[in-house]
């Protein structure tokens, strides 16, 4: 007996049958040539191929679904009504279309163009979850603004409000840690419950009670022991095997897993023997406004809708055939044409000082580089690590700067001055140019840092001067992302 007779390839079923009925399917090499190799060809009729295999196996394999044998299980509502679509608010839509424009940049070709599309595909997945996940620090935003800026988050909060009214429990699936933290913050601020998170960082083995970090099973036990409404946030991968959460009867797939079999496994953490209530599955989706249509007048589909359609097709295929679980996963190539064919007509929002405050630190550096590029400098953005204390190199007719960019909530101290002074000799030897030293911050400097900078001829730009630069140069999200793409990999 097995729950996954075909996990990786069709050769898995050959191994099982060769043990049970030796010789029934011939030798492994001929079997792979007849059944496995054709799956690499997109034109292969997978259903016909696997039906032929099923017929050859005949009575030696018998398939039973959970619904066939677990008659006492309550109902599971996982259907078209589970798909709750909500129109993207302007902030989310604009950021989504900016990424489409970046992906379709005509200045790139070959491998560079494909790499940009791959990067933008992951970006669109994040933007569909929340537009601030990509470049901002979520903790810097009030919860009300977070909810209002994301169609999917707004829908999810509405679903949770209904679950709270029923005094029931929910599992919320999301794969990225930043998304999990955002959901935890929003749920606490909105419902005053503090959801636990189970992901790759959660220990698998039971922990000593004196330790603050609980194991996966201990976390679930605590969640299930508490009466009334509650939410637990889980990674689909961390929850894939062996965890039972039958006290929850609402499943929200906030971020979809690209493999329908693994998404189904995640759902089954709650829908299994021991569940006493009907189980409800939800797929909140961010969609385009109704007036966004293609050249033939059809409403354009968003990332969430395209992915949902592909997952539904693969799920039906796997249910009706002996289709390998691993090969059911959606690939980026299947998404490209449907996603990046969207036409964009957008106005790029000029970034304010508040926007700059909220950027991820690496994009804060890119914003400083963009400001100097706008002034006519030839600009180099240094690597993420091992930059020797310099974030931006700016060159222009002998007026050259080594710049350290400091995004901080506290005053900049002596370390910043010392680091850039130490880096000067290395960069002058590397570029064969003389450099002036400059530190820029969105805050201000300690008195000792000001004295040290004066003694070492380091120019300091503080918050007010940065704001003045932003008003003069008027940079956009597109500018800083293009700059970040050109970041040096080594120096």
Protein backbone atom coordinates (compact mmCIF):
# COMPACT_ATOMS: atom_id res chain seq x y z
CA UNK A 1 0.00 0.00 0.00
CA UNK A 2 1.31 3.47 -0.87
CA UNK A 3 -0.08 6.99 -0.90
CA UNK A 4 2.26 8.17 -3.66
CA UNK A 5 2.92 5.37 -6.19
CA UNK A 6 4.42 7.94 -8.57
CA UNK A 7 6.48 10.52 -6.64
CA UNK A 8 9.28 11.59 -8.98
CA UNK A 9 8.95 9.73 -12.31
CA UNK A 10 6.89 6.92 -13.82
CA UNK A 11 9.84 4.63 -13.15
CA UNK A 12 8.62 4.67 -9.51
CA UNK A 13 5.59 2.60 -10.52
CA UNK A 14 7.86 0.24 -12.49
CA UNK A 15 9.88 -0.40 -9.29
CA UNK A 16 6.74 -1.23 -7.31
CA UNK A 17 5.28 -3.51 -9.98
CA UNK A 18 8.60 -5.25 -10.65
CA UNK A 19 8.66 -6.20 -6.97
CA UNK A 20 4.99 -7.30 -6.89
CA UNK A 21 4.74 -8.90 -10.36
CA UNK A 22 8.27 -9.31 -11.77
CA UNK A 23 8.44 -8.86 -15.54
CA UNK A 24 4.93 -7.41 -15.96
CA UNK A 25 6.25 -4.08 -17.29
CA UNK A 26 9.41 -5.43 -18.96
CA UNK A 27 12.85 -4.08 -18.11
CA UNK A 28 13.41 -0.61 -16.67
CA UNK A 29 15.23 0.77 -19.73
CA UNK A 30 12.48 -0.15 -22.19
CA UNK A 31 9.80 1.02 -19.74
CA UNK A 32 11.44 4.44 -19.36
CA UNK A 33 11.78 4.81 -23.13
CA UNK A 34 8.09 3.98 -23.69
CA UNK A 35 6.50 5.88 -20.81
CA UNK A 36 8.90 8.28 -19.05
CA UNK A 37 10.80 9.86 -21.99
CA UNK A 38 7.62 11.00 -23.83
CA UNK A 39 6.72 13.19 -20.82
CA UNK A 40 9.61 15.49 -21.79
CA UNK A 41 7.76 16.32 -25.04
CA UNK A 42 5.12 19.04 -24.53
CA UNK A 43 2.99 17.59 -27.35
CA UNK A 44 2.56 14.24 -25.55
CA UNK A 45 -1.02 13.36 -24.58
CA UNK A 46 -0.24 12.63 -20.94
CA UNK A 47 -3.69 11.31 -20.15
CA UNK A 48 -3.64 8.81 -23.04
CA UNK A 49 -0.08 7.72 -22.21
CA UNK A 50 -0.76 7.02 -18.54
CA UNK A 51 -4.13 5.39 -19.27
CA UNK A 52 -2.26 2.96 -21.53
CA UNK A 53 0.07 2.21 -18.63
CA UNK A 54 -2.81 1.80 -16.21
CA UNK A 55 -4.48 -0.70 -18.57
CA UNK A 56 -1.24 -2.67 -18.88
CA UNK A 57 -0.96 -2.94 -15.08
CA UNK A 58 -4.59 -4.03 -14.95
CA UNK A 59 -5.90 -5.66 -11.78
CA UNK A 60 -2.56 -5.43 -9.99
CA UNK A 61 -3.16 -1.85 -8.87
CA UNK A 62 -6.28 -0.52 -7.17
CA UNK A 63 -6.79 3.14 -6.45
CA UNK A 64 -8.80 4.39 -3.52
CA UNK A 65 -9.30 8.06 -2.63
CA UNK A 66 -9.77 9.38 0.88
CA UNK A 67 -13.41 10.05 0.00
CA UNK A 68 -13.85 6.36 -0.90
CA UNK A 69 -12.61 4.92 2.38
CA UNK A 70 -12.99 7.61 5.07
CA UNK A 71 -16.77 7.76 5.05
CA UNK A 72 -16.95 9.44 8.46
CA UNK A 73 -15.02 12.53 7.34
CA UNK A 74 -17.08 15.74 7.21
CA UNK A 75 -17.43 17.68 3.95
CA UNK A 76 -14.58 19.65 2.41
CA UNK A 77 -15.59 22.78 0.51
CA UNK A 78 -12.85 23.36 -2.06
CA UNK A 79 -14.48 24.63 -5.25
CA UNK A 80 -14.98 27.74 -7.38
CA UNK A 81 -16.54 29.54 -4.41
CA UNK A 82 -13.23 29.07 -2.60
CA UNK A 83 -11.61 31.47 -5.04
CA UNK A 84 -12.24 34.94 -3.69
CA UNK A 85 -11.13 37.59 -6.15
CA UNK A 86 -10.54 41.18 -5.18
CA UNK A 87 -9.44 44.10 -7.35
CA UNK A 88 -5.97 45.46 -6.69
CA UNK A 89 -5.98 48.91 -5.07
CA UNK A 90 -4.07 51.62 -7.04
CA UNK A 91 -0.82 51.22 -5.03
CA UNK A 92 -0.68 47.48 -5.73
CA UNK A 93 -1.75 47.74 -9.37
CA UNK A 94 0.79 50.46 -10.16
CA UNK A 95 3.64 48.49 -8.57
CA UNK A 96 2.56 45.35 -10.46
CA UNK A 97 2.55 47.17 -13.80
CA UNK A 98 5.92 48.75 -13.06
CA UNK A 99 7.37 45.25 -12.69
CA UNK A 100 5.82 44.16 -16.00
CA UNK A 101 7.45 47.16 -17.66
CA UNK A 102 10.80 46.29 -16.07
CA UNK A 103 10.53 42.68 -17.27
CA UNK A 104 9.79 43.76 -20.82
CA UNK A 105 12.76 46.15 -20.94
CA UNK A 106 13.78 46.21 -24.61
CA UNK A 107 17.38 47.04 -23.72
CA UNK A 108 17.91 43.46 -22.56
CA UNK A 109 18.22 40.36 -24.71
CA UNK A 110 19.27 36.70 -24.50
CA UNK A 111 20.19 35.40 -21.06
CA UNK A 112 19.89 38.88 -19.49
CA UNK A 113 16.30 39.21 -20.72
CA UNK A 114 15.35 35.77 -19.37
CA UNK A 115 17.03 36.43 -16.02
CA UNK A 116 15.13 39.70 -15.70
CA UNK A 117 11.85 37.91 -16.46
CA UNK A 118 12.63 35.27 -13.83
CA UNK A 119 13.41 37.96 -11.25
CA UNK A 120 10.25 39.84 -12.18
CA UNK A 121 8.17 36.67 -11.95
CA UNK A 122 9.18 36.19 -8.32
CA UNK A 123 8.58 39.90 -7.79
CA UNK A 124 5.03 39.66 -9.18
CA UNK A 125 4.32 36.76 -6.85
CA UNK A 126 5.38 38.96 -3.92
CA UNK A 127 3.55 42.04 -5.19
CA UNK A 128 0.37 39.95 -5.51
CA UNK A 129 0.76 39.08 -1.81
CA UNK A 130 1.58 42.68 -0.90
CA UNK A 131 3.19 45.54 -2.89
CA UNK A 132 5.41 46.56 0.05
CA UNK A 133 7.04 43.13 0.46
CA UNK A 134 9.40 43.68 -2.43
CA UNK A 135 11.36 46.78 -1.46
CA UNK A 136 10.01 48.08 1.82
CA UNK A 137 10.36 47.16 5.46
CA UNK A 138 6.87 46.07 6.49
CA UNK A 139 7.38 46.98 10.15
CA UNK A 140 7.57 50.65 9.14
CA UNK A 141 3.93 50.74 8.01
CA UNK A 142 0.78 51.02 10.15
CA UNK A 143 -1.50 47.99 9.89
CA UNK A 144 -4.40 49.94 8.41
CA UNK A 145 -2.21 51.07 5.51
CA UNK A 146 -0.94 47.51 4.98
CA UNK A 147 -4.49 46.17 4.71
CA UNK A 148 -5.67 48.94 2.41
CA UNK A 149 -2.70 48.50 0.04
CA UNK A 150 -3.23 44.81 -0.79
CA UNK A 151 -6.30 43.16 -2.31
CA UNK A 152 -5.27 39.75 -1.00
CA UNK A 153 -4.54 40.94 2.54
CA UNK A 154 -7.79 42.89 2.67
CA UNK A 155 -9.72 39.79 1.57
CA UNK A 156 -7.88 37.60 4.07
CA UNK A 157 -8.70 39.91 6.98
CA UNK A 158 -12.36 39.74 5.91
CA UNK A 159 -12.27 35.92 5.84
CA UNK A 160 -10.67 35.83 9.30
CA UNK A 161 -13.32 38.18 10.66
CA UNK A 162 -16.00 35.68 9.59
CA UNK A 163 -14.06 32.80 11.17
CA UNK A 164 -13.71 34.81 14.39
CA UNK A 165 -17.48 35.36 14.44
CA UNK A 166 -17.92 31.55 14.34
CA UNK A 167 -15.33 31.12 17.12
CA UNK A 168 -13.37 28.67 14.93
CA UNK A 169 -9.70 28.21 13.98
CA UNK A 170 -7.76 28.75 10.77
CA UNK A 171 -4.48 27.71 9.14
CA UNK A 172 -2.89 30.38 6.99
CA UNK A 173 -0.35 29.10 4.44
CA UNK A 174 2.43 31.39 3.18
CA UNK A 175 5.94 30.40 2.14
CA UNK A 176 8.12 33.52 2.55
CA UNK A 177 9.22 34.52 6.05
CA UNK A 178 8.60 38.21 5.30
CA UNK A 179 4.99 37.38 4.33
CA UNK A 180 4.55 35.26 7.45
CA UNK A 181 5.80 38.10 9.67
CA UNK A 182 3.50 40.58 7.93
CA UNK A 183 0.48 38.31 8.46
CA UNK A 184 1.44 37.80 12.11
CA UNK A 185 1.65 41.58 12.66
CA UNK A 186 -1.66 42.32 10.90
CA UNK A 187 -3.55 39.52 12.67
CA UNK A 188 -2.30 40.61 16.09
CA UNK A 189 -3.12 44.27 15.49
CA UNK A 190 -6.57 43.45 14.06
CA UNK A 191 -7.80 40.53 16.20
CA UNK A 192 -5.52 40.69 19.28
CA UNK A 193 -4.43 37.08 18.87
CA UNK A 194 -0.75 36.28 18.35
CA UNK A 195 -0.42 33.58 15.67
CA UNK A 196 2.43 31.09 15.93
CA UNK A 197 4.54 30.51 12.82
CA UNK A 198 5.77 27.11 11.63
CA UNK A 199 8.46 27.26 8.97
CA UNK A 200 11.91 25.88 8.24
CA UNK A 201 13.28 27.55 11.39
CA UNK A 202 10.86 25.68 13.68
CA UNK A 203 12.56 22.66 15.31
CA UNK A 204 11.24 19.25 14.28
CA UNK A 205 12.20 17.56 17.56
CA UNK A 206 10.50 18.12 20.92
CA UNK A 207 12.14 20.93 22.89
CA UNK A 208 12.76 21.20 26.62
CA UNK A 209 9.94 23.13 28.29
CA UNK A 210 12.43 25.72 29.55
CA UNK A 211 13.27 26.74 25.98
CA UNK A 212 11.36 29.60 24.37
CA UNK A 213 11.29 27.98 20.91
CA UNK A 214 8.79 25.12 20.63
CA UNK A 215 8.96 22.26 18.15
CA UNK A 216 6.44 22.00 15.31
CA UNK A 217 4.28 19.50 17.17
CA UNK A 218 4.50 21.45 20.45
CA UNK A 219 3.42 24.61 18.60
CA UNK A 220 0.43 22.78 17.11
CA UNK A 221 -0.48 21.21 20.46
CA UNK A 222 -0.55 24.64 22.09
CA UNK A 223 -2.61 26.08 19.20
CA UNK A 224 -5.15 23.24 19.45
CA UNK A 225 -5.43 23.38 23.23
CA UNK A 226 -6.54 27.02 23.27
CA UNK A 227 -10.30 27.52 23.11
CA UNK A 228 -12.02 29.70 20.53
CA UNK A 229 -10.77 31.69 17.55
CA UNK A 230 -7.11 31.44 16.67
CA UNK A 231 -4.81 31.40 13.66
CA UNK A 232 -1.62 29.48 12.94
CA UNK A 233 0.68 30.52 10.07
CA UNK A 234 2.51 27.70 8.30
CA UNK A 235 4.90 27.20 5.41
CA UNK A 236 3.39 24.66 2.97
CA UNK A 237 6.73 22.81 2.87
CA UNK A 238 7.24 22.67 6.64
CA UNK A 239 3.65 21.46 7.02
CA UNK A 240 3.89 18.91 4.22
CA UNK A 241 4.22 15.68 6.19
CA UNK A 242 3.14 14.26 9.53
CA UNK A 243 1.40 17.25 11.14
CA UNK A 244 -2.24 17.06 12.19
CA UNK A 245 -4.13 20.28 12.88
CA UNK A 246 -7.67 18.96 13.13
CA UNK A 247 -8.88 21.68 15.51
CA UNK A 248 -8.67 24.10 12.56
CA UNK A 249 -11.36 23.78 9.93
CA UNK A 250 -10.55 26.82 7.77
CA UNK A 251 -7.59 26.70 5.36
CA UNK A 252 -6.39 29.91 3.69
CA UNK A 253 -3.77 29.52 0.95
CA UNK A 254 -2.38 33.06 1.01
CA UNK A 255 0.66 32.19 -1.12
CA UNK A 256 0.02 29.27 -3.46
CA UNK A 257 2.44 26.36 -3.72
CA UNK A 258 3.28 25.75 -7.38
CA UNK A 259 2.81 21.99 -6.99
CA UNK A 260 -0.90 21.08 -6.63
CA UNK A 261 -0.08 17.78 -4.90
CA UNK A 262 1.90 19.57 -2.20
CA UNK A 263 -0.80 22.21 -1.83
CA UNK A 264 -3.29 19.38 -1.32
CA UNK A 265 -1.00 17.84 1.31
CA UNK A 266 -0.98 21.17 3.11
CA UNK A 267 -4.79 21.32 3.08
CA UNK A 268 -4.91 17.79 4.46
CA UNK A 269 -3.20 18.92 7.68
CA UNK A 270 -6.77 19.73 8.76
CA UNK A 271 -8.87 17.50 6.51
CA UNK A 272 -8.04 14.08 7.94
CA UNK A 273 -9.35 11.42 10.30
CA UNK A 274 -10.32 13.08 13.57
CA UNK A 275 -11.71 16.24 11.95
CA UNK A 276 -15.21 16.83 13.35
CA UNK A 277 -16.26 19.93 11.42
CA UNK A 278 -16.77 20.74 7.75
CA UNK A 279 -13.54 22.11 6.27
CA UNK A 280 -13.51 25.31 4.20
CA UNK A 281 -10.65 26.14 1.81
CA UNK A 282 -9.98 29.68 0.58
CA UNK A 283 -7.78 31.08 -2.17
CA UNK A 284 -7.72 34.90 -1.90
CA UNK A 285 -6.64 36.38 -5.25
CA UNK A 286 -5.52 39.83 -6.39
CA UNK A 287 -6.99 40.65 -9.80
CA UNK A 288 -7.00 43.49 -12.32
CA UNK A 289 -9.86 46.02 -12.62
CA UNK A 290 -12.64 45.01 -15.01
CA UNK A 291 -11.65 47.68 -17.54
CA UNK A 292 -8.19 46.18 -18.11
CA UNK A 293 -8.73 44.20 -21.30
CA UNK A 294 -6.63 42.71 -24.09
CA UNK A 295 -6.88 43.66 -27.78
CA UNK A 296 -9.80 41.26 -28.22
CA UNK A 297 -11.77 42.79 -25.35
CA UNK A 298 -11.17 40.00 -22.83
CA UNK A 299 -10.38 40.95 -19.24
CA UNK A 300 -6.67 40.51 -18.52
CA UNK A 301 -5.68 37.86 -15.99
CA UNK A 302 -3.37 38.66 -13.10
CA UNK A 303 -0.55 36.48 -11.76
CA UNK A 304 -2.88 34.90 -9.18
CA UNK A 305 -5.48 33.99 -11.82
CA UNK A 306 -2.97 32.56 -14.29
CA UNK A 307 -1.33 30.45 -11.59
CA UNK A 308 -4.73 29.26 -10.34
CA UNK A 309 -5.76 28.10 -13.83
CA UNK A 310 -2.50 26.18 -14.33
CA UNK A 311 -2.76 24.57 -10.89
CA UNK A 312 -6.37 23.53 -11.51
CA UNK A 313 -5.38 21.89 -14.82
CA UNK A 314 -2.45 20.01 -13.23
CA UNK A 315 -4.60 18.97 -10.28
CA UNK A 316 -7.24 17.47 -12.58
CA UNK A 317 -4.54 15.77 -14.63
CA UNK A 318 -2.96 14.21 -11.55
CA UNK A 319 -6.36 13.08 -10.25
CA UNK A 320 -7.23 11.24 -13.47
CA UNK A 321 -3.84 9.76 -14.39
CA UNK A 322 -0.65 8.19 -12.98
CA UNK A 323 1.13 11.52 -13.19
CA UNK A 324 4.43 12.01 -11.27
CA UNK A 325 3.89 14.25 -8.25
CA UNK A 326 7.15 16.18 -8.75
CA UNK A 327 6.39 16.82 -12.43
CA UNK A 328 3.03 18.33 -11.55
CA UNK A 329 4.81 21.50 -10.37
CA UNK A 330 4.26 24.63 -12.47
CA UNK A 331 7.42 25.94 -14.17
CA UNK A 332 8.27 29.61 -14.80
CA UNK A 333 8.14 29.03 -18.57
CA UNK A 334 4.46 28.12 -18.30
CA UNK A 335 3.75 31.51 -16.72
CA UNK A 336 5.91 33.80 -18.88
CA UNK A 337 3.65 34.31 -21.90
CA UNK A 338 0.46 34.81 -19.91
CA UNK A 339 2.05 37.14 -17.37
CA UNK A 340 4.39 39.35 -19.36
CA UNK A 341 2.05 39.93 -22.30
CA UNK A 342 0.16 42.47 -20.20
CA UNK A 343 0.39 45.97 -21.69
CA UNK A 344 1.36 48.73 -19.30
CA UNK A 345 0.34 52.36 -19.19
CA UNK A 346 1.53 53.74 -15.88
CA UNK A 347 2.72 56.92 -14.27
CA UNK A 348 5.79 56.34 -12.16
CA UNK A 349 5.41 57.79 -8.67
CA UNK A 350 8.25 60.05 -7.54
CA UNK A 351 9.72 58.74 -4.28
CA UNK A 352 9.44 60.93 -1.20
CA UNK A 353 11.70 60.95 1.83
CA UNK A 354 9.12 58.81 3.67
CA UNK A 355 9.27 56.24 0.85
CA UNK A 356 13.07 56.22 1.11
CA UNK A 357 12.84 55.61 4.87
CA UNK A 358 10.79 52.48 4.25
CA UNK A 359 12.99 50.90 1.57
CA UNK A 360 15.01 47.78 2.16
CA UNK A 361 18.62 48.81 2.94
CA UNK A 362 20.02 47.55 -0.40
CA UNK A 363 17.44 49.64 -2.28
CA UNK A 364 18.24 52.65 -0.11
CA UNK A 365 21.80 52.37 -1.50
CA UNK A 366 20.37 52.09 -5.01
CA UNK A 367 18.30 55.23 -4.44
CA UNK A 368 21.46 57.21 -3.52
CA UNK A 369 23.17 55.88 -6.65
CA UNK A 370 20.14 56.97 -8.72
CA UNK A 371 20.29 60.48 -7.26
CA UNK A 372 23.89 60.87 -8.40
CA UNK A 373 23.25 59.30 -11.78
CA UNK A 374 20.58 61.96 -12.26
CA UNK A 375 23.27 64.61 -11.69
CA UNK A 376 25.34 63.26 -14.58
CA UNK A 377 27.73 61.04 -12.64
CA UNK A 378 28.93 57.68 -13.90
CA UNK A 379 27.76 55.50 -11.05
CA UNK A 380 28.78 52.10 -9.68
CA UNK A 381 26.77 50.38 -6.96
CA UNK A 382 29.10 48.16 -4.93
CA UNK A 383 28.36 44.50 -4.01
CA UNK A 384 25.97 43.52 -1.22
CA UNK A 385 28.92 42.32 0.87
CA UNK A 386 32.68 42.89 1.02
CA UNK A 387 32.30 46.46 -0.28
CA UNK A 388 35.17 47.67 1.96
CA UNK A 389 32.92 50.38 3.44
CA UNK A 390 31.73 52.06 0.21
CA UNK A 391 28.20 51.74 -1.19
CA UNK A 392 28.38 54.00 -4.25
CA UNK A 393 31.21 55.13 -6.52
CA UNK A 394 30.39 58.31 -8.47
CA UNK A 395 32.67 59.69 -11.24
CA UNK A 396 32.35 62.94 -13.21
CA UNK A 397 35.21 64.91 -14.80
CA UNK A 398 37.50 64.66 -11.80
CA UNK A 399 34.67 65.38 -9.32
CA UNK A 400 34.67 61.88 -7.90
CA UNK A 401 32.99 60.59 -4.73
CA UNK A 402 33.11 57.49 -2.58
CA UNK A 403 29.73 57.39 -0.86
CA UNK A 404 28.54 55.50 2.16
CA UNK A 405 24.72 55.38 2.43
CA UNK A 406 23.35 54.99 5.94
CA UNK A 407 19.65 54.23 6.35
CA UNK A 408 19.00 54.29 10.08
CA UNK A 409 16.58 55.25 12.83
CA UNK A 410 19.42 56.39 15.09
CA UNK A 411 22.23 58.90 14.71
CA UNK A 412 25.19 57.84 12.55
CA UNK A 413 28.32 57.38 14.62
CA UNK A 414 32.09 57.19 14.15
CA UNK A 415 32.09 53.77 12.46
CA UNK A 416 30.71 55.15 9.19
CA UNK A 417 33.45 57.77 9.01
CA UNK A 418 36.21 55.31 9.86
CA UNK A 419 35.02 52.74 7.30
CA UNK A 420 34.95 55.13 4.35
CA UNK A 421 38.31 56.64 5.28
CA UNK A 422 39.85 53.16 5.39
CA UNK A 423 38.39 52.32 1.95
CA UNK A 424 39.85 55.36 0.17
CA UNK A 425 43.28 53.94 -0.75
CA UNK A 426 41.80 50.70 -2.07
CA UNK A 427 39.29 52.45 -4.36
CA UNK A 428 41.82 55.00 -5.62
CA UNK A 429 44.12 52.14 -6.62
CA UNK A 430 41.22 50.22 -8.17
CA UNK A 431 39.78 53.07 -10.26
CA UNK A 432 43.05 55.01 -10.70
CA UNK A 433 41.20 58.18 -9.67
CA UNK A 434 41.29 60.57 -6.71
CA UNK A 435 38.13 60.58 -4.58
CA UNK A 436 36.37 62.88 -2.15
CA UNK A 437 34.61 61.13 0.72
CA UNK A 438 30.88 61.50 1.37
CA UNK A 439 28.39 59.98 3.80
CA UNK A 440 24.63 60.33 3.28
CA UNK A 441 21.94 59.41 5.81
CA UNK A 442 18.19 59.69 6.23
CA UNK A 443 18.90 60.74 9.83
CA UNK A 444 21.70 62.83 11.32
CA UNK A 445 25.16 62.41 12.92
CA UNK A 446 26.51 62.23 16.46
CA UNK A 447 28.65 65.21 17.56
CA UNK A 448 31.78 63.02 17.66
CA UNK A 449 31.09 61.76 14.11
CA UNK A 450 30.85 65.39 12.92
CA UNK A 451 34.22 66.18 14.55
CA UNK A 452 35.84 63.04 13.08
CA UNK A 453 34.46 63.83 9.62
CA UNK A 454 35.84 67.35 9.78
CA UNK A 455 39.29 66.10 10.77
CA UNK A 456 39.35 63.64 7.84
CA UNK A 457 37.73 65.84 5.17
CA UNK A 458 34.58 63.70 4.92
CA UNK A 459 31.50 65.56 3.68
CA UNK A 460 28.27 64.78 5.57
CA UNK A 461 24.77 65.01 4.09
CA UNK A 462 21.94 64.68 6.60
CA UNK A 463 18.18 64.16 6.33
CA UNK A 464 17.22 67.67 5.22
CA UNK A 465 19.87 67.67 2.47
CA UNK A 466 18.74 64.23 1.28
CA UNK A 467 15.18 65.51 1.05
CA UNK A 468 16.40 68.45 -1.03
CA UNK A 469 18.20 66.07 -3.41
CA UNK A 470 15.03 63.97 -3.80
CA UNK A 471 13.00 67.04 -4.74
CA UNK A 472 15.61 68.09 -7.31
CA UNK A 473 16.21 64.70 -8.96
CA UNK A 474 12.75 63.06 -8.68
CA UNK A 475 13.65 59.38 -8.79
CA UNK A 476 11.14 56.49 -9.08
CA UNK A 477 10.91 52.84 -8.05
CA UNK A 478 11.77 51.89 -11.63
CA UNK A 479 14.98 53.95 -11.42
CA UNK A 480 16.22 52.27 -8.26
CA UNK A 481 15.39 48.76 -9.45
CA UNK A 482 17.25 49.33 -12.71
CA UNK A 483 20.17 50.65 -10.71
CA UNK A 484 20.11 47.64 -8.38
CA UNK A 485 20.17 45.31 -11.41
CA UNK A 486 23.48 46.90 -12.43
CA UNK A 487 25.07 46.37 -9.02
CA UNK A 488 28.65 45.07 -9.17
CA UNK A 489 29.09 41.42 -8.10
CA UNK A 490 32.63 42.00 -6.84
CA UNK A 491 34.99 44.89 -6.27
